[in-house]
Each structure stands twice: as structure tokens, then as C-alpha cells.
Amino acid sequence: MGRTRRNLRVWLASASLLASASLIVAWGVMRSAIAGELNAKESLLGALAPEWEVGTWINSRPLTLKELHGKVVLIRWWTGPGCPYCSASAPILRELDKRYRKTGLVVIGFYHPKSEGPVNGSAVGELAKNLGMDFPIAVDAEWKTLNRYLLDQFPDAPFTSVSFLIDREGIIRYIHPGGTITDAEGKDLENRLLLLIGSSKS
């Protein structure tokens, strides 16, 4: 009887591991499909990035995309508190900003609230500080800029924590589909922005 129970426990543990592995694989396939669909949309990839419309800035004076012409721009929508994707991706964004800020990269975090009511700028600033986001933060309170970049053309996007990489001429060159930026995706993103940084001199 004891051996039977042990065998049952081993079987259940194995089944649980297989189920978890299957979910991980399925999740990866789904995210790859989303990324492919986003990057394949002619209306997004290769298009001129829209100007953003935000009223509140943190860690920076107000910026416009027009004045950043000649820079490589990485924008990432985030929210919080309690967003696991944002907290997991923040270190990669912070490291890219630290490494390449002086060589032509501008990282901007677009905060988009998911709760009703007015946005408290001080609270957003504290959230950004807790995540180590010391680069410019724009508050996209009514999702106007998120709609322009993504949701007007891709309303069924499963994530809103999307990222756009924009070249020195203001053209969208890469889109991360949202969710966590994994280590592998972070390395891929770094390679892509290095190509854009090295494509011309600022």
C-alpha cells in the first residue's frame, strides 16, 4: 500500500510538471503569435509614430516626439501597483536607459491607469521610484496616446503594457506585444536598438 501511494505521488507530481510545461509552451506560442501579428501590421510597423498627447510628466520636463527627432526612442506603457509584468520588465528598461542614454537612446515610460478616478501624479511618481524608473515618465491618463499607437488599430490586443521602438526618423521599427519583457526578449531589444543607435550619428 505504501509503495502504491508513493507511486501515485510520483505520478501526480510528474503530471503536474507536464501540465505546467505545456502551459508555458502554449503561453510562449501565443505571445509569439501576438508579436508576429503586431509586427506584421503594416499600419503599425514601419509607420511614422504618432505624436503623443499627455499633460503630466515625471522625472522630466514635457517632451515631444518631434523634438526627439534624431534620437532612438523606446516607449513602454505600464501601470500599477500590482502589475507583475511592469515590475518584472522595469529592470531591463532601467538597464537599457543606463547603458545607452548618452549614445542616443531615450526611454519613456507611459503610465496608463486601470482604475476609475483622477490620477494622482505624486502617487505615480512614487510607483515609478519604487520600480527604479528614473527615466522620463508620461502620464497617459485617458489612454489617448495608447489608443493612437495601438488600440485604435488593434482593439483586441490582450495586453496594454506594449512597447514601441522608434528610430531616429520617427519610424516604428519594433513592437513588443506586452506582458513581461523576458531576458531573451530584452537581449533582442538591445540588439535592435544598437542597430538603430549605430545607424547614424545624433
C-alpha atoms as a PDB file:
ATOM      1  CA  MET A   1       0.000   0.000   0.000  1.00  0.00           C
ATOM      2  CA  GLY A   2       2.844   2.373   0.892  1.00  0.00           C
ATOM      3  CA  ARG A   3       4.512   1.724  -2.439  1.00  0.00           C
ATOM      4  CA  THR A   4       1.235   2.392  -4.248  1.00  0.00           C
ATOM      5  CA  ARG A   5       0.880   5.749  -2.515  1.00  0.00           C
ATOM      6  CA  ARG A   6       4.448   6.675  -3.341  1.00  0.00           C
ATOM      7  CA  ASN A   7       3.905   5.722  -6.972  1.00  0.00           C
ATOM      8  CA  LEU A   8       0.713   7.791  -7.015  1.00  0.00           C
ATOM      9  CA  ARG A   9       2.525  10.822  -5.598  1.00  0.00           C
ATOM     10  CA  VAL A  10       5.282  10.444  -8.186  1.00  0.00           C
ATOM     11  CA  TRP A  11       2.711  10.158 -10.951  1.00  0.00           C
ATOM     12  CA  LEU A  12       0.793  13.229  -9.745  1.00  0.00           C
ATOM     13  CA  ALA A  13       3.993  15.250  -9.476  1.00  0.00           C
ATOM     14  CA  SER A  14       5.017  14.206 -12.983  1.00  0.00           C
ATOM     15  CA  ALA A  15       1.594  15.057 -14.353  1.00  0.00           C
ATOM     16  CA  SER A  16       1.709  18.456 -12.680  1.00  0.00           C
ATOM     17  CA  LEU A  17       5.135  19.187 -14.170  1.00  0.00           C
ATOM     18  CA  LEU A  18       3.966  18.134 -17.624  1.00  0.00           C
ATOM     19  CA  ALA A  19       0.877  20.328 -17.329  1.00  0.00           C
ATOM     20  CA  SER A  20       2.975  23.295 -16.240  1.00  0.00           C
ATOM     21  CA  ALA A  21       5.419  22.735 -19.080  1.00  0.00           C
ATOM     22  CA  SER A  22       2.537  22.540 -21.549  1.00  0.00           C
ATOM     23  CA  LEU A  23       1.111  25.812 -20.247  1.00  0.00           C
ATOM     24  CA  ILE A  24       4.498  27.508 -20.543  1.00  0.00           C
ATOM     25  CA  VAL A  25       4.908  26.285 -24.115  1.00  0.00           C
ATOM     26  CA  ALA A  26       1.357  27.343 -25.015  1.00  0.00           C
ATOM     27  CA  TRP A  27       1.933  30.775 -23.444  1.00  0.00           C
ATOM     28  CA  GLY A  28       5.141  31.193 -25.421  1.00  0.00           C
ATOM     29  CA  VAL A  29       3.446  30.199 -28.670  1.00  0.00           C
ATOM     30  CA  MET A  30       0.570  32.613 -28.001  1.00  0.00           C
ATOM     31  CA  ARG A  31       2.894  35.530 -27.241  1.00  0.00           C
ATOM     32  CA  SER A  32       4.945  34.773 -30.349  1.00  0.00           C
ATOM     33  CA  ALA A  33       1.777  34.791 -32.423  1.00  0.00           C
ATOM     34  CA  ILE A  34       0.691  38.112 -30.898  1.00  0.00           C
ATOM     35  CA  ALA A  35       4.117  39.611 -31.516  1.00  0.00           C
ATOM     36  CA  GLY A  36       4.089  38.381 -35.095  1.00  0.00           C
ATOM     37  CA  GLU A  37       0.634  39.779 -35.713  1.00  0.00           C
ATOM     38  CA  LEU A  38       1.515  43.170 -34.253  1.00  0.00           C
ATOM     39  CA  ASN A  39       4.785  43.441 -36.117  1.00  0.00           C
ATOM     40  CA  ALA A  40       3.171  42.291 -39.360  1.00  0.00           C
ATOM     41  CA  LYS A  41       0.538  45.009 -39.335  1.00  0.00           C
ATOM     42  CA  GLU A  42       1.597  47.496 -41.984  1.00  0.00           C
ATOM     43  CA  SER A  43      -0.374  50.210 -40.221  1.00  0.00           C
ATOM     44  CA  LEU A  44       1.869  49.837 -37.161  1.00  0.00           C
ATOM     45  CA  LEU A  45       5.313  48.585 -38.083  1.00  0.00           C
ATOM     46  CA  GLY A  46       7.173  50.860 -40.469  1.00  0.00           C
ATOM     47  CA  ALA A  47       4.722  53.688 -39.906  1.00  0.00           C
ATOM     48  CA  LEU A  48       5.530  57.157 -38.680  1.00  0.00           C
ATOM     49  CA  ALA A  49       4.998  57.152 -34.920  1.00  0.00           C
ATOM     50  CA  PRO A  50       2.145  59.428 -33.831  1.00  0.00           C
ATOM     51  CA  GLU A  51       2.847  62.410 -31.611  1.00  0.00           C
ATOM     52  CA  TRP A  52       1.789  61.720 -28.049  1.00  0.00           C
ATOM     53  CA  GLU A  53      -0.775  63.696 -26.060  1.00  0.00           C
ATOM     54  CA  VAL A  54      -0.064  63.779 -22.345  1.00  0.00           C
ATOM     55  CA  GLY A  55      -0.349  66.501 -19.756  1.00  0.00           C
ATOM     56  CA  THR A  56       1.769  65.343 -16.831  1.00  0.00           C
ATOM     57  CA  TRP A  57       5.456  64.431 -16.853  1.00  0.00           C
ATOM     58  CA  ILE A  58       7.597  62.981 -14.074  1.00  0.00           C
ATOM     59  CA  ASN A  59      11.423  62.967 -13.953  1.00  0.00           C
ATOM     60  CA  SER A  60      11.466  65.301 -16.948  1.00  0.00           C
ATOM     61  CA  ARG A  61      10.136  68.460 -18.478  1.00  0.00           C
ATOM     62  CA  PRO A  62       7.422  67.855 -21.091  1.00  0.00           C
ATOM     63  CA  LEU A  63       8.852  66.155 -24.184  1.00  0.00           C
ATOM     64  CA  THR A  64       7.517  65.834 -27.714  1.00  0.00           C
ATOM     65  CA  LEU A  65       8.356  63.214 -30.283  1.00  0.00           C
ATOM     66  CA  LYS A  66       9.149  65.983 -32.757  1.00  0.00           C
ATOM     67  CA  GLU A  67      11.926  67.397 -30.583  1.00  0.00           C
ATOM     68  CA  LEU A  68      13.382  63.899 -30.127  1.00  0.00           C
ATOM     69  CA  HIS A  69      13.973  63.588 -33.871  1.00  0.00           C
ATOM     70  CA  GLY A  70      17.495  62.221 -34.264  1.00  0.00           C
ATOM     71  CA  LYS A  71      17.172  60.065 -31.133  1.00  0.00           C
ATOM     72  CA  VAL A  72      16.204  56.412 -30.818  1.00  0.00           C
ATOM     73  CA  VAL A  73      13.093  56.296 -28.628  1.00  0.00           C
ATOM     74  CA  LEU A  74      11.830  53.327 -26.610  1.00  0.00           C
ATOM     75  CA  ILE A  75       8.388  53.771 -25.071  1.00  0.00           C
ATOM     76  CA  ARG A  76       6.730  51.307 -22.728  1.00  0.00           C
ATOM     77  CA  TRP A  77       3.229  51.512 -21.287  1.00  0.00           C
ATOM     78  CA  TRP A  78       2.988  50.429 -17.674  1.00  0.00           C
ATOM     79  CA  THR A  79       0.600  50.574 -14.746  1.00  0.00           C
ATOM     80  CA  GLY A  80       0.474  49.719 -11.094  1.00  0.00           C
ATOM     81  CA  PRO A  81       0.570  48.945  -8.321  1.00  0.00           C
ATOM     82  CA  GLY A  82       0.299  45.206  -8.563  1.00  0.00           C
ATOM     83  CA  CYS A  83       1.286  44.798 -12.210  1.00  0.00           C
ATOM     84  CA  PRO A  84       3.679  41.814 -12.324  1.00  0.00           C
ATOM     85  CA  TYR A  85       4.614  42.498 -15.955  1.00  0.00           C
ATOM     86  CA  CYS A  86       5.676  46.048 -15.136  1.00  0.00           C
ATOM     87  CA  SER A  87       7.776  45.166 -12.100  1.00  0.00           C
ATOM     88  CA  ALA A  88       9.437  42.294 -13.987  1.00  0.00           C
ATOM     89  CA  SER A  89      10.237  44.466 -17.023  1.00  0.00           C
ATOM     90  CA  ALA A  90      11.396  47.580 -15.183  1.00  0.00           C
ATOM     91  CA  PRO A  91      14.986  46.347 -14.576  1.00  0.00           C
ATOM     92  CA  ILE A  92      15.540  45.754 -18.299  1.00  0.00           C
ATOM     93  CA  LEU A  93      14.224  49.214 -19.188  1.00  0.00           C
ATOM     94  CA  ARG A  94      16.341  50.763 -16.455  1.00  0.00           C
ATOM     95  CA  GLU A  95      19.478  48.978 -17.658  1.00  0.00           C
ATOM     96  CA  LEU A  96      18.933  49.972 -21.294  1.00  0.00           C
ATOM     97  CA  ASP A  97      18.444  53.579 -20.237  1.00  0.00           C
ATOM     98  CA  LYS A  98      21.591  53.478 -18.117  1.00  0.00           C
ATOM     99  CA  ARG A  99      23.726  51.952 -20.866  1.00  0.00           C
ATOM    100  CA  TYR A 100      22.592  53.951 -23.876  1.00  0.00           C
ATOM    101  CA  ARG A 101      21.171  57.266 -22.676  1.00  0.00           C
ATOM    102  CA  LYS A 102      24.405  59.048 -23.617  1.00  0.00           C
ATOM    103  CA  THR A 103      24.610  57.410 -27.041  1.00  0.00           C
ATOM    104  CA  GLY A 104      21.239  58.414 -28.428  1.00  0.00           C
ATOM    105  CA  LEU A 105      18.533  56.405 -26.638  1.00  0.00           C
ATOM    106  CA  VAL A 106      15.566  57.970 -24.854  1.00  0.00           C
ATOM    107  CA  VAL A 107      13.437  55.614 -22.727  1.00  0.00           C
ATOM    108  CA  ILE A 108       9.978  56.868 -21.770  1.00  0.00           C
ATOM    109  CA  GLY A 109       7.502  55.073 -19.528  1.00  0.00           C
ATOM    110  CA  PHE A 110       3.855  55.834 -20.335  1.00  0.00           C
ATOM    111  CA  TYR A 111       1.746  55.301 -17.233  1.00  0.00           C
ATOM    112  CA  HIS A 112      -1.843  54.317 -18.066  1.00  0.00           C
ATOM    113  CA  PRO A 113      -4.198  53.912 -15.107  1.00  0.00           C
ATOM    114  CA  LYS A 114      -6.592  50.968 -14.972  1.00  0.00           C
ATOM    115  CA  SER A 115      -8.774  52.336 -12.198  1.00  0.00           C
ATOM    116  CA  GLU A 116     -11.502  54.960 -12.259  1.00  0.00           C
ATOM    117  CA  GLY A 117     -10.988  58.457 -10.951  1.00  0.00           C
ATOM    118  CA  PRO A 118      -8.337  61.145 -11.340  1.00  0.00           C
ATOM    119  CA  VAL A 119      -4.668  60.233 -11.492  1.00  0.00           C
ATOM    120  CA  ASN A 120      -2.503  61.291  -8.564  1.00  0.00           C
ATOM    121  CA  GLY A 121       0.790  62.469 -10.043  1.00  0.00           C
ATOM    122  CA  SER A 122       2.612  62.096  -6.728  1.00  0.00           C
ATOM    123  CA  ALA A 123       1.427  58.504  -6.407  1.00  0.00           C
ATOM    124  CA  VAL A 124       2.591  57.723  -9.952  1.00  0.00           C
ATOM    125  CA  GLY A 125       5.953  59.290  -9.138  1.00  0.00           C
ATOM    126  CA  GLU A 126       6.253  57.082  -6.070  1.00  0.00           C
ATOM    127  CA  LEU A 127       5.346  53.989  -8.112  1.00  0.00           C
ATOM    128  CA  ALA A 128       7.996  54.874 -10.689  1.00  0.00           C
ATOM    129  CA  LYS A 129      10.558  55.439  -7.942  1.00  0.00           C
ATOM    130  CA  ASN A 130       9.778  52.065  -6.363  1.00  0.00           C
ATOM    131  CA  LEU A 131      10.336  50.393  -9.740  1.00  0.00           C
ATOM    132  CA  GLY A 132      13.609  52.256 -10.244  1.00  0.00           C
ATOM    133  CA  MET A 133      12.250  54.141 -13.231  1.00  0.00           C
ATOM    134  CA  ASP A 134      14.322  57.314 -13.149  1.00  0.00           C
ATOM    135  CA  PHE A 135      13.831  57.991 -16.862  1.00  0.00           C
ATOM    136  CA  PRO A 136      11.030  60.279 -18.129  1.00  0.00           C
ATOM    137  CA  ILE A 137       7.511  59.192 -17.215  1.00  0.00           C
ATOM    138  CA  ALA A 138       4.480  60.446 -19.147  1.00  0.00           C
ATOM    139  CA  VAL A 139       1.006  60.067 -17.638  1.00  0.00           C
ATOM    140  CA  ASP A 140      -1.377  58.840 -20.341  1.00  0.00           C
ATOM    141  CA  ALA A 141      -4.382  59.404 -18.069  1.00  0.00           C
ATOM    142  CA  GLU A 142      -7.132  58.883 -20.650  1.00  0.00           C
ATOM    143  CA  TRP A 143      -5.186  56.413 -22.818  1.00  0.00           C
ATOM    144  CA  LYS A 144      -5.207  58.910 -25.690  1.00  0.00           C
ATOM    145  CA  THR A 145      -1.678  58.060 -26.788  1.00  0.00           C
ATOM    146  CA  LEU A 146      -2.117  54.317 -26.180  1.00  0.00           C
ATOM    147  CA  ASN A 147      -5.184  54.436 -28.423  1.00  0.00           C
ATOM    148  CA  ARG A 148      -3.256  56.263 -31.147  1.00  0.00           C
ATOM    149  CA  TYR A 149      -0.376  53.826 -31.066  1.00  0.00           C
ATOM    150  CA  LEU A 150      -2.216  50.552 -30.560  1.00  0.00           C
ATOM    151  CA  LEU A 151      -5.858  50.195 -29.619  1.00  0.00           C
ATOM    152  CA  ASP A 152      -7.437  52.220 -32.434  1.00  0.00           C
ATOM    153  CA  GLN A 153      -5.893  49.799 -34.924  1.00  0.00           C
ATOM    154  CA  PHE A 154      -5.567  46.682 -32.763  1.00  0.00           C
ATOM    155  CA  PRO A 155      -8.525  46.839 -30.332  1.00  0.00           C
ATOM    156  CA  ASP A 156      -8.302  43.162 -29.362  1.00  0.00           C
ATOM    157  CA  ALA A 157      -4.716  43.387 -28.108  1.00  0.00           C
ATOM    158  CA  PRO A 158      -4.580  41.179 -24.986  1.00  0.00           C
ATOM    159  CA  PHE A 159      -2.007  43.404 -23.284  1.00  0.00           C
ATOM    160  CA  THR A 160      -1.771  47.163 -22.917  1.00  0.00           C
ATOM    161  CA  SER A 161       1.767  47.086 -21.477  1.00  0.00           C
ATOM    162  CA  VAL A 162       3.117  47.264 -25.012  1.00  0.00           C
ATOM    163  CA  SER A 163       6.487  48.700 -26.106  1.00  0.00           C
ATOM    164  CA  PHE A 164       7.463  50.549 -29.284  1.00  0.00           C
ATOM    165  CA  LEU A 165      10.989  51.103 -30.568  1.00  0.00           C
ATOM    166  CA  ILE A 166      11.207  54.185 -32.786  1.00  0.00           C
ATOM    167  CA  ASP A 167      14.180  55.051 -34.972  1.00  0.00           C
ATOM    168  CA  ARG A 168      15.909  58.417 -35.408  1.00  0.00           C
ATOM    169  CA  GLU A 169      13.492  59.409 -38.171  1.00  0.00           C
ATOM    170  CA  GLY A 170      10.421  58.708 -36.048  1.00  0.00           C
ATOM    171  CA  ILE A 171       9.554  55.378 -37.705  1.00  0.00           C
ATOM    172  CA  ILE A 172       8.249  52.431 -35.639  1.00  0.00           C
ATOM    173  CA  ARG A 173      10.785  49.619 -36.099  1.00  0.00           C
ATOM    174  CA  TYR A 174       9.802  47.074 -33.444  1.00  0.00           C
ATOM    175  CA  ILE A 175       6.820  46.314 -31.220  1.00  0.00           C
ATOM    176  CA  HIS A 176       6.897  44.186 -28.082  1.00  0.00           C
ATOM    177  CA  PRO A 177       3.392  42.735 -27.575  1.00  0.00           C
ATOM    178  CA  GLY A 178       3.151  43.435 -23.864  1.00  0.00           C
ATOM    179  CA  GLY A 179       3.409  41.396 -20.727  1.00  0.00           C
ATOM    180  CA  THR A 180       6.829  40.743 -19.259  1.00  0.00           C
ATOM    181  CA  ILE A 181       9.911  41.574 -21.289  1.00  0.00           C
ATOM    182  CA  THR A 182      11.856  38.349 -20.738  1.00  0.00           C
ATOM    183  CA  ASP A 183      15.642  38.212 -20.528  1.00  0.00           C
ATOM    184  CA  ALA A 184      15.812  36.814 -24.060  1.00  0.00           C
ATOM    185  CA  GLU A 185      13.469  39.496 -25.365  1.00  0.00           C
ATOM    186  CA  GLY A 186      15.483  42.126 -23.524  1.00  0.00           C
ATOM    187  CA  LYS A 187      18.638  40.977 -25.290  1.00  0.00           C
ATOM    188  CA  ASP A 188      16.833  41.005 -28.634  1.00  0.00           C
ATOM    189  CA  LEU A 189      15.528  44.501 -27.898  1.00  0.00           C
ATOM    190  CA  GLU A 190      19.040  45.639 -27.012  1.00  0.00           C
ATOM    191  CA  ASN A 191      20.420  44.263 -30.281  1.00  0.00           C
ATOM    192  CA  ARG A 192      17.701  46.026 -32.243  1.00  0.00           C
ATOM    193  CA  LEU A 193      18.272  49.388 -30.598  1.00  0.00           C
ATOM    194  CA  LEU A 194      22.033  49.038 -31.017  1.00  0.00           C
ATOM    195  CA  LEU A 195      21.485  48.738 -34.764  1.00  0.00           C
ATOM    196  CA  LEU A 196      19.351  51.883 -34.690  1.00  0.00           C
ATOM    197  CA  ILE A 197      21.785  53.794 -32.496  1.00  0.00           C
ATOM    198  CA  GLY A 198      24.649  52.877 -34.813  1.00  0.00           C
ATOM    199  CA  SER A 199      22.722  53.671 -37.994  1.00  0.00           C
ATOM    200  CA  SER A 200      23.611  57.361 -37.841  1.00  0.00           C
ATOM    201  CA  LYS A 201      25.081  59.974 -35.570  1.00  0.00           C
ATOM    202  CA  SER A 202      22.882  62.152 -33.400  1.00  0.00           C
END
